[in-house]
Structures are given as structure tokens and as C-alpha cells.
């Protein structure tokens, strides 16, 4: 088989006086996937956390009543700072670990302990799978219970 026919795996094959013919020498110091550094912003982890928490049955909303009201107004303003997905979520991200604080509103009639456990499990699985960070803690504050006959606290739109 000539050099043109040999399969290439991304490695250089070099023949020198001290090596056997066709010996593979790696260049660049190891696995390409480990070269360089990846940083993950707090906001990225907050979005993943918010989406994972909202997927849990029994979670009505994220954030306190006031933050949801201000957030609804902020969402309508062009260039609003924080996305609705991250409302009620705070993340502290290090190089290898993250800690999360969530504020949730639960549906009336559900077990708050079960919902909190399910939120923790879903959030930890999603964040660790997507970021590779170790989640060291997920603190959950239940700020309200959504009663069946309560209206949502979002303000009426000014324009219809």
C-alpha cells in the first residue's frame, strides 16, 4: 500500500532514523478536545436551570410575585435586560462547579417536598449534562402557591 492509499486518522506519520517505519508520532500535546479553556457564563447556566425547573409538573412560575410583575413589564420593553427564562434563578459559576438558587411558585394541591425534589433532580441532570459542571447545591425558595381561582399577576397590556 502506498502513502496515498494509507488511511489517515489525523495523526502525522514520520519516519526517522530512530523510529520504525510507519510509527505514529502525536504532535500538539494530547487530545485536541483538551486544548484550551471553556468558560460558561452565569446566564447560560441560569437559562438551562430555568428551562429544567419549568419542565417539572407542579411548578406554576419562577420568581416572586413582584419579580414576575416587573419581569413581565421588562419583557415588553425593547432591550429588556433579563429574559423571562431566567426569572427566579441565580447561578454562581466557577471553573468546575456551580451553585444554584431558585425561587418558585407551586400549584395548589401538590406536595411541595416532592416538587422541590423533582426540580432539584431535573436541574442537576440538565446542568451537568449540558455544561459538564458539578452542581454542588440547588437551593429552592417557594415564594407562593397558585390557587385555582387566582388570576396571574401579569399586568394588562396597554395596547390590544
Protein backbone atom coordinates (compact mmCIF):
# COMPACT_ATOMS: atom_id res chain seq x y z
CA UNK A 1 0.00 0.00 0.00
CA UNK A 2 1.46 3.38 -0.97
CA UNK A 3 1.31 6.53 1.17
CA UNK A 4 -1.62 7.73 -0.93
CA UNK A 5 -3.59 4.55 -0.10
CA UNK A 6 -2.99 4.56 3.66
CA UNK A 7 -5.88 5.67 5.86
CA UNK A 8 -5.31 8.91 7.79
CA UNK A 9 -6.56 9.39 11.31
CA UNK A 10 -5.48 12.98 11.76
CA UNK A 11 -2.04 11.95 13.05
CA UNK A 12 1.29 12.57 11.35
CA UNK A 13 3.32 9.51 10.36
CA UNK A 14 7.00 10.31 10.29
CA UNK A 15 9.95 8.04 9.53
CA UNK A 16 13.19 8.97 11.21
CA UNK A 17 16.39 7.10 11.88
CA UNK A 18 15.33 6.24 15.44
CA UNK A 19 11.80 5.05 14.67
CA UNK A 20 10.32 2.11 12.88
CA UNK A 21 8.74 2.71 9.50
CA UNK A 22 5.17 4.00 9.87
CA UNK A 23 5.42 4.78 13.61
CA UNK A 24 2.89 7.39 14.64
CA UNK A 25 4.10 10.47 16.46
CA UNK A 26 1.50 12.76 18.03
CA UNK A 27 2.04 16.46 17.87
CA UNK A 28 0.49 19.25 19.89
CA UNK A 29 0.38 17.70 23.33
CA UNK A 30 -2.50 15.25 23.55
CA UNK A 31 -6.18 15.09 22.79
CA UNK A 32 -7.38 18.10 20.79
CA UNK A 33 -10.51 18.23 22.95
CA UNK A 34 -8.44 19.18 25.99
CA UNK A 35 -6.51 22.05 24.42
CA UNK A 36 -7.69 25.42 25.63
CA UNK A 37 -10.24 26.53 28.20
CA UNK A 38 -14.03 26.72 28.06
CA UNK A 39 -15.81 29.26 30.23
CA UNK A 40 -19.54 29.20 30.80
CA UNK A 41 -21.33 32.42 31.73
CA UNK A 42 -23.69 32.57 34.70
CA UNK A 43 -26.53 33.48 32.33
CA UNK A 44 -26.09 30.26 30.35
CA UNK A 45 -26.43 28.14 33.49
CA UNK A 46 -29.40 30.28 34.60
CA UNK A 47 -31.22 29.65 31.31
CA UNK A 48 -30.63 25.90 31.47
CA UNK A 49 -31.78 25.90 35.10
CA UNK A 50 -34.92 27.93 34.36
CA UNK A 51 -35.95 25.68 31.49
CA UNK A 52 -35.33 22.50 33.51
CA UNK A 53 -37.26 23.81 36.53
CA UNK A 54 -40.26 24.85 34.42
CA UNK A 55 -40.46 21.33 32.95
CA UNK A 56 -41.40 19.89 36.35
CA UNK A 57 -45.08 19.21 36.98
CA UNK A 58 -46.37 21.35 39.85
CA UNK A 59 -44.18 24.39 39.09
CA UNK A 60 -46.53 27.23 38.15
CA UNK A 61 -43.97 30.01 37.72
CA UNK A 62 -40.49 31.17 38.63
CA UNK A 63 -39.72 34.15 40.85
CA UNK A 64 -41.74 36.06 43.42
CA UNK A 65 -44.93 37.93 42.59
CA UNK A 66 -43.09 41.25 42.37
CA UNK A 67 -40.27 39.91 40.21
CA UNK A 68 -42.82 38.31 37.88
CA UNK A 69 -44.71 41.60 37.60
CA UNK A 70 -41.57 43.63 36.96
CA UNK A 71 -40.30 40.92 34.62
CA UNK A 72 -43.49 41.00 32.56
CA UNK A 73 -43.11 44.75 32.14
CA UNK A 74 -39.37 44.39 31.41
CA UNK A 75 -40.11 41.73 28.77
CA UNK A 76 -42.31 44.20 26.88
CA UNK A 77 -39.63 46.91 26.82
CA UNK A 78 -37.28 46.60 23.85
CA UNK A 79 -33.78 45.74 25.06
CA UNK A 80 -35.03 44.46 28.42
CA UNK A 81 -32.13 43.03 30.38
CA UNK A 82 -33.14 39.66 31.79
CA UNK A 83 -35.02 37.03 29.84
CA UNK A 84 -38.19 35.51 31.30
CA UNK A 85 -36.49 32.11 31.31
CA UNK A 86 -34.01 33.22 33.97
CA UNK A 87 -36.55 34.91 36.24
CA UNK A 88 -36.25 33.44 39.73
CA UNK A 89 -32.85 31.84 39.05
CA UNK A 90 -29.42 32.87 40.33
CA UNK A 91 -26.29 30.90 39.44
CA UNK A 92 -22.76 31.16 40.75
CA UNK A 93 -20.43 29.50 38.28
CA UNK A 94 -16.83 28.52 38.96
CA UNK A 95 -14.36 26.66 36.78
CA UNK A 96 -15.69 23.19 37.62
CA UNK A 97 -18.70 23.72 39.90
CA UNK A 98 -21.89 25.73 40.15
CA UNK A 99 -24.36 26.57 42.90
CA UNK A 100 -27.96 27.50 42.11
CA UNK A 101 -30.71 29.44 43.89
CA UNK A 102 -34.28 29.18 42.61
CA UNK A 103 -37.48 30.91 43.61
CA UNK A 104 -40.61 29.08 42.51
CA UNK A 105 -44.39 29.26 42.72
CA UNK A 106 -46.10 25.88 43.04
CA UNK A 107 -49.60 24.79 42.07
CA UNK A 108 -52.07 24.36 44.91
CA UNK A 109 -52.54 20.74 45.96
CA UNK A 110 -49.13 19.38 45.01
CA UNK A 111 -46.58 18.16 47.54
CA UNK A 112 -44.05 20.96 47.87
CA UNK A 113 -41.39 18.49 49.07
CA UNK A 114 -41.96 16.27 46.00
CA UNK A 115 -41.91 19.24 43.60
CA UNK A 116 -38.69 20.58 45.18
CA UNK A 117 -37.05 17.14 44.91
CA UNK A 118 -38.14 16.78 41.27
CA UNK A 119 -36.89 20.29 40.44
CA UNK A 120 -33.50 19.52 42.02
CA UNK A 121 -33.17 16.24 40.13
CA UNK A 122 -34.19 17.77 36.79
CA UNK A 123 -31.99 20.84 37.21
CA UNK A 124 -28.91 18.88 38.31
CA UNK A 125 -29.29 16.42 35.42
CA UNK A 126 -29.75 19.17 32.81
CA UNK A 127 -26.96 21.46 34.02
CA UNK A 128 -24.42 18.67 34.50
CA UNK A 129 -25.26 17.07 31.14
CA UNK A 130 -25.15 20.31 29.15
CA UNK A 131 -22.25 22.08 30.86
CA UNK A 132 -20.12 19.38 32.47
CA UNK A 133 -20.10 21.45 35.66
CA UNK A 134 -20.70 19.74 39.00
CA UNK A 135 -23.82 21.14 40.68
CA UNK A 136 -22.89 21.41 44.36
CA UNK A 137 -26.23 22.73 45.61
CA UNK A 138 -29.68 23.72 44.44
CA UNK A 139 -31.45 25.94 46.97
CA UNK A 140 -35.18 26.34 46.38
CA UNK A 141 -37.38 29.02 47.92
CA UNK A 142 -41.12 28.53 47.44
CA UNK A 143 -42.46 32.07 47.39
CA UNK A 144 -46.14 31.41 46.63
CA UNK A 145 -48.85 28.86 45.93
CA UNK A 146 -51.02 29.35 42.85
CA UNK A 147 -54.64 28.83 43.87
CA UNK A 148 -57.06 27.52 41.24
CA UNK A 149 -59.22 30.67 41.25
CA UNK A 150 -56.34 33.19 41.26
CA UNK A 151 -55.58 35.30 38.23
CA UNK A 152 -51.99 35.51 37.05
CA UNK A 153 -50.33 38.68 38.30
CA UNK A 154 -49.14 39.95 34.95
CA UNK A 155 -50.32 43.47 34.17
CA UNK A 156 -52.86 44.12 31.43
CA UNK A 157 -51.26 45.08 28.14
CA UNK A 158 -51.75 48.75 27.30
CA UNK A 159 -52.23 48.05 23.62
CA UNK A 160 -54.52 45.41 22.16
